[in-house]
Amino acid sequence: MPISEKQVQHLANLARLDLPAAEIADYARQLEAIVGYVEQLSQVDTTGVEPIANVAGLVNVARADEPTPMLPTAKAMGIAPSHSDVAYLVPKVVER
């Protein structure tokens, strides 16, 4: 499936990426290769193959989910570099 440079620019815009114009054609070729590989995988006959979520055969290896006392708010806020009475204060990271 051919991927156009316009489609790459649209995807970059959706992802809030500022791609250099010189790299857009290269990304289009890379995306075409990825989509081609996925199309190739979709042609594999998987009849009788059971879906799996864990190839290692592991069962739940996490600890038991047991309730424990909450961390006191004052102690939780005390470890933050910046906080209000009830929340951590963080710098703005997304510009629109």
N, C-alpha and C. Protein backbone atom coordinates (compact mmCIF):
# COMPACT_ATOMS: atom_id res chain seq x y z
N MET A 1 0.85 -1.18 0.00
CA MET A 1 0.00 0.00 0.00
C MET A 1 0.89 1.24 0.00
N PRO A 2 0.78 2.05 -1.02
CA PRO A 2 1.63 3.25 -1.08
C PRO A 2 1.23 4.29 -0.02
N ILE A 3 2.22 4.88 0.59
CA ILE A 3 2.02 5.94 1.59
C ILE A 3 2.53 7.24 0.96
N SER A 4 1.67 8.23 0.88
CA SER A 4 2.08 9.50 0.28
C SER A 4 2.75 10.41 1.30
N GLU A 5 3.49 11.38 0.78
CA GLU A 5 4.13 12.35 1.66
C GLU A 5 3.08 13.17 2.42
N LYS A 6 1.94 13.39 1.76
CA LYS A 6 0.85 14.13 2.42
C LYS A 6 0.33 13.34 3.62
N GLN A 7 0.24 12.01 3.50
CA GLN A 7 -0.21 11.18 4.61
C GLN A 7 0.82 11.21 5.76
N VAL A 8 2.10 11.22 5.42
CA VAL A 8 3.14 11.30 6.45
C VAL A 8 3.04 12.63 7.18
N GLN A 9 2.84 13.71 6.44
CA GLN A 9 2.69 15.03 7.06
C GLN A 9 1.47 15.06 7.98
N HIS A 10 0.38 14.41 7.54
CA HIS A 10 -0.83 14.35 8.37
C HIS A 10 -0.56 13.56 9.66
N LEU A 11 0.10 12.42 9.55
CA LEU A 11 0.43 11.63 10.73
C LEU A 11 1.35 12.40 11.67
N ALA A 12 2.33 13.10 11.10
CA ALA A 12 3.24 13.89 11.92
C ALA A 12 2.48 14.99 12.66
N ASN A 13 1.52 15.60 11.98
CA ASN A 13 0.70 16.63 12.62
C ASN A 13 -0.12 16.04 13.76
N LEU A 14 -0.72 14.88 13.54
CA LEU A 14 -1.51 14.23 14.59
C LEU A 14 -0.64 13.88 15.80
N ALA A 15 0.60 13.49 15.53
CA ALA A 15 1.52 13.11 16.61
C ALA A 15 2.28 14.32 17.17
N ARG A 16 1.96 15.48 16.65
CA ARG A 16 2.63 16.72 17.08
C ARG A 16 4.15 16.64 16.88
N LEU A 17 4.54 16.09 15.71
CA LEU A 17 5.96 15.99 15.36
C LEU A 17 6.28 17.03 14.30
N ASP A 18 7.41 17.66 14.44
CA ASP A 18 7.86 18.63 13.45
C ASP A 18 8.94 17.96 12.62
N LEU A 19 8.52 17.33 11.51
CA LEU A 19 9.47 16.59 10.68
C LEU A 19 10.11 17.52 9.65
N PRO A 20 11.41 17.42 9.49
CA PRO A 20 12.06 18.20 8.42
C PRO A 20 11.56 17.72 7.06
N ALA A 21 11.37 18.64 6.14
CA ALA A 21 10.85 18.31 4.81
C ALA A 21 11.73 17.27 4.11
N ALA A 22 13.01 17.33 4.35
CA ALA A 22 13.93 16.40 3.70
C ALA A 22 13.73 14.96 4.15
N GLU A 23 13.14 14.74 5.31
CA GLU A 23 12.98 13.38 5.84
C GLU A 23 11.63 12.77 5.54
N ILE A 24 10.69 13.55 5.06
CA ILE A 24 9.32 13.06 4.87
C ILE A 24 9.28 11.92 3.85
N ALA A 25 9.99 12.04 2.75
CA ALA A 25 9.99 10.98 1.74
C ALA A 25 10.57 9.69 2.32
N ASP A 26 11.61 9.82 3.14
CA ASP A 26 12.22 8.65 3.76
C ASP A 26 11.23 7.97 4.71
N TYR A 27 10.52 8.78 5.49
CA TYR A 27 9.51 8.21 6.39
C TYR A 27 8.38 7.53 5.61
N ALA A 28 8.02 8.10 4.48
CA ALA A 28 6.98 7.48 3.65
C ALA A 28 7.42 6.09 3.19
N ARG A 29 8.68 5.97 2.77
CA ARG A 29 9.20 4.66 2.34
C ARG A 29 9.23 3.67 3.51
N GLN A 30 9.64 4.16 4.70
CA GLN A 30 9.69 3.28 5.86
C GLN A 30 8.29 2.82 6.26
N LEU A 31 7.32 3.72 6.23
CA LEU A 31 5.95 3.33 6.57
C LEU A 31 5.38 2.34 5.55
N GLU A 32 5.71 2.53 4.28
CA GLU A 32 5.27 1.58 3.25
C GLU A 32 5.84 0.19 3.54
N ALA A 33 7.11 0.13 3.95
CA ALA A 33 7.72 -1.16 4.26
C ALA A 33 7.04 -1.82 5.45
N ILE A 34 6.69 -1.03 6.46
CA ILE A 34 6.01 -1.57 7.65
C ILE A 34 4.63 -2.10 7.27
N VAL A 35 3.88 -1.31 6.53
CA VAL A 35 2.53 -1.74 6.12
C VAL A 35 2.64 -2.97 5.23
N GLY A 36 3.63 -3.01 4.35
CA GLY A 36 3.84 -4.19 3.50
C GLY A 36 4.13 -5.44 4.32
N TYR A 37 4.91 -5.28 5.37
CA TYR A 37 5.22 -6.41 6.23
C TYR A 37 3.96 -6.90 6.95
N VAL A 38 3.15 -5.98 7.44
CA VAL A 38 1.90 -6.36 8.11
C VAL A 38 0.98 -7.06 7.12
N GLU A 39 0.92 -6.56 5.89
CA GLU A 39 0.09 -7.23 4.87
C GLU A 39 0.62 -8.64 4.60
N GLN A 40 1.92 -8.80 4.59
CA GLN A 40 2.52 -10.12 4.39
C GLN A 40 2.15 -11.05 5.55
N LEU A 41 2.18 -10.53 6.78
CA LEU A 41 1.80 -11.34 7.94
C LEU A 41 0.33 -11.75 7.89
N SER A 42 -0.52 -10.87 7.35
CA SER A 42 -1.95 -11.19 7.31
C SER A 42 -2.24 -12.34 6.34
N GLN A 43 -1.29 -12.68 5.49
CA GLN A 43 -1.50 -13.78 4.54
C GLN A 43 -1.12 -15.14 5.13
N VAL A 44 -0.52 -15.15 6.29
CA VAL A 44 -0.11 -16.41 6.93
C VAL A 44 -1.35 -17.15 7.42
N ASP A 45 -1.41 -18.44 7.13
CA ASP A 45 -2.53 -19.26 7.57
C ASP A 45 -2.37 -19.58 9.06
N THR A 46 -3.29 -19.07 9.87
CA THR A 46 -3.24 -19.31 11.32
C THR A 46 -4.38 -20.20 11.77
N THR A 47 -4.92 -20.97 10.86
CA THR A 47 -5.99 -21.89 11.21
C THR A 47 -5.51 -22.87 12.27
N GLY A 48 -6.26 -22.99 13.36
CA GLY A 48 -5.93 -23.92 14.42
C GLY A 48 -4.91 -23.40 15.41
N VAL A 49 -4.42 -22.19 15.23
CA VAL A 49 -3.44 -21.62 16.16
C VAL A 49 -4.20 -20.83 17.22
N GLU A 50 -4.03 -21.24 18.46
CA GLU A 50 -4.72 -20.57 19.56
C GLU A 50 -4.03 -19.24 19.89
N PRO A 51 -4.80 -18.19 20.12
CA PRO A 51 -4.18 -16.93 20.53
C PRO A 51 -3.58 -17.06 21.92
N ILE A 52 -2.43 -16.40 22.11
CA ILE A 52 -1.77 -16.44 23.41
C ILE A 52 -1.39 -15.02 23.82
N ALA A 53 -1.31 -14.82 25.11
CA ALA A 53 -0.91 -13.51 25.62
C ALA A 53 0.49 -13.57 26.21
N ASN A 54 1.00 -14.78 26.44
CA ASN A 54 2.29 -14.92 27.09
C ASN A 54 3.01 -16.12 26.48
N VAL A 55 4.05 -15.88 25.73
CA VAL A 55 4.74 -16.98 25.05
C VAL A 55 5.61 -17.80 25.99
N ALA A 56 5.91 -17.29 27.17
CA ALA A 56 6.76 -18.02 28.11
C ALA A 56 5.97 -19.00 28.96
N GLY A 57 4.64 -18.96 28.89
CA GLY A 57 3.83 -19.88 29.67
C GLY A 57 3.74 -19.52 31.13
N LEU A 58 4.12 -18.31 31.48
CA LEU A 58 4.07 -17.90 32.88
C LEU A 58 2.63 -17.66 33.33
N VAL A 59 2.39 -17.94 34.55
CA VAL A 59 1.10 -17.64 35.16
C VAL A 59 1.31 -16.35 35.94
N ASN A 60 0.30 -15.85 36.58
CA ASN A 60 0.41 -14.60 37.30
C ASN A 60 1.60 -14.63 38.26
N VAL A 61 2.61 -13.82 37.97
CA VAL A 61 3.80 -13.79 38.81
C VAL A 61 3.84 -12.56 39.70
N ALA A 62 2.80 -11.76 39.65
CA ALA A 62 2.74 -10.56 40.49
C ALA A 62 2.33 -10.95 41.90
N ARG A 63 2.66 -10.09 42.82
CA ARG A 63 2.29 -10.35 44.21
C ARG A 63 0.77 -10.25 44.36
N ALA A 64 0.28 -10.79 45.42
CA ALA A 64 -1.15 -10.72 45.68
C ALA A 64 -1.57 -9.27 45.89
N ASP A 65 -2.74 -8.92 45.42
CA ASP A 65 -3.26 -7.57 45.57
C ASP A 65 -3.95 -7.47 46.92
N GLU A 66 -3.22 -6.95 47.88
CA GLU A 66 -3.75 -6.84 49.23
C GLU A 66 -3.77 -5.38 49.66
N PRO A 67 -4.83 -4.95 50.33
CA PRO A 67 -4.88 -3.55 50.76
C PRO A 67 -3.82 -3.26 51.82
N THR A 68 -3.22 -2.09 51.71
CA THR A 68 -2.23 -1.63 52.69
C THR A 68 -2.58 -0.20 53.08
N PRO A 69 -2.07 0.28 54.19
CA PRO A 69 -2.38 1.66 54.59
C PRO A 69 -1.85 2.66 53.56
N MET A 70 -2.61 3.74 53.37
CA MET A 70 -2.20 4.78 52.44
C MET A 70 -1.04 5.58 53.01
N LEU A 71 -0.24 6.14 52.10
CA LEU A 71 0.83 7.04 52.50
C LEU A 71 0.19 8.35 52.94
N PRO A 72 0.54 8.87 54.09
CA PRO A 72 -0.05 10.13 54.53
C PRO A 72 0.24 11.25 53.53
N THR A 73 -0.75 12.10 53.29
CA THR A 73 -0.63 13.18 52.31
C THR A 73 0.59 14.05 52.58
N ALA A 74 0.81 14.42 53.83
CA ALA A 74 1.94 15.28 54.17
C ALA A 74 3.27 14.63 53.78
N LYS A 75 3.39 13.33 53.99
CA LYS A 75 4.63 12.63 53.64
C LYS A 75 4.78 12.54 52.12
N ALA A 76 3.69 12.27 51.43
CA ALA A 76 3.73 12.19 49.96
C ALA A 76 4.11 13.54 49.36
N MET A 77 3.53 14.60 49.88
CA MET A 77 3.83 15.94 49.36
C MET A 77 5.25 16.37 49.75
N GLY A 78 5.76 15.84 50.85
CA GLY A 78 7.09 16.21 51.32
C GLY A 78 8.21 15.74 50.41
N ILE A 79 7.97 14.72 49.60
CA ILE A 79 9.02 14.21 48.72
C ILE A 79 9.02 14.91 47.37
N ALA A 80 8.01 15.74 47.11
CA ALA A 80 7.91 16.43 45.83
C ALA A 80 8.71 17.73 45.85
N PRO A 81 9.39 18.06 44.75
CA PRO A 81 10.12 19.31 44.73
C PRO A 81 9.21 20.53 44.77
N SER A 82 7.98 20.38 44.26
CA SER A 82 7.03 21.48 44.27
C SER A 82 5.62 20.91 44.43
N HIS A 83 4.84 21.49 45.36
CA HIS A 83 3.50 20.96 45.60
C HIS A 83 2.63 22.03 46.24
N SER A 84 1.32 21.80 46.13
CA SER A 84 0.37 22.62 46.87
C SER A 84 -0.06 21.80 48.07
N ASP A 85 -1.15 22.15 48.68
CA ASP A 85 -1.60 21.37 49.85
C ASP A 85 -2.05 19.96 49.47
N VAL A 86 -2.56 19.79 48.24
CA VAL A 86 -3.14 18.50 47.89
C VAL A 86 -2.65 17.92 46.55
N ALA A 87 -1.72 18.59 45.89
CA ALA A 87 -1.32 18.11 44.56
C ALA A 87 0.14 18.42 44.28
N TYR A 88 0.76 17.58 43.44
CA TYR A 88 2.11 17.85 42.96
C TYR A 88 2.00 18.94 41.90
N LEU A 89 2.94 19.84 41.86
CA LEU A 89 3.00 20.87 40.84
C LEU A 89 4.13 20.51 39.89
N VAL A 90 3.80 20.43 38.61
CA VAL A 90 4.78 20.06 37.59
C VAL A 90 4.81 21.12 36.49
N PRO A 91 5.93 21.27 35.81
CA PRO A 91 5.98 22.25 34.73
C PRO A 91 5.13 21.80 33.54
N LYS A 92 4.61 22.76 32.83
CA LYS A 92 3.82 22.48 31.62
C LYS A 92 4.74 21.86 30.58
N VAL A 93 4.31 20.76 29.98
CA VAL A 93 5.16 20.08 29.00
C VAL A 93 4.55 20.06 27.60
N VAL A 94 3.30 20.39 27.46
CA VAL A 94 2.65 20.35 26.15
C VAL A 94 2.27 21.77 25.76
N GLU A 95 2.76 22.20 24.63
CA GLU A 95 2.41 23.51 24.10
C GLU A 95 1.48 23.29 22.91
N ARG A 96 0.42 24.04 22.81
CA ARG A 96 -0.49 23.91 21.65
C ARG A 96 -0.53 25.18 20.89
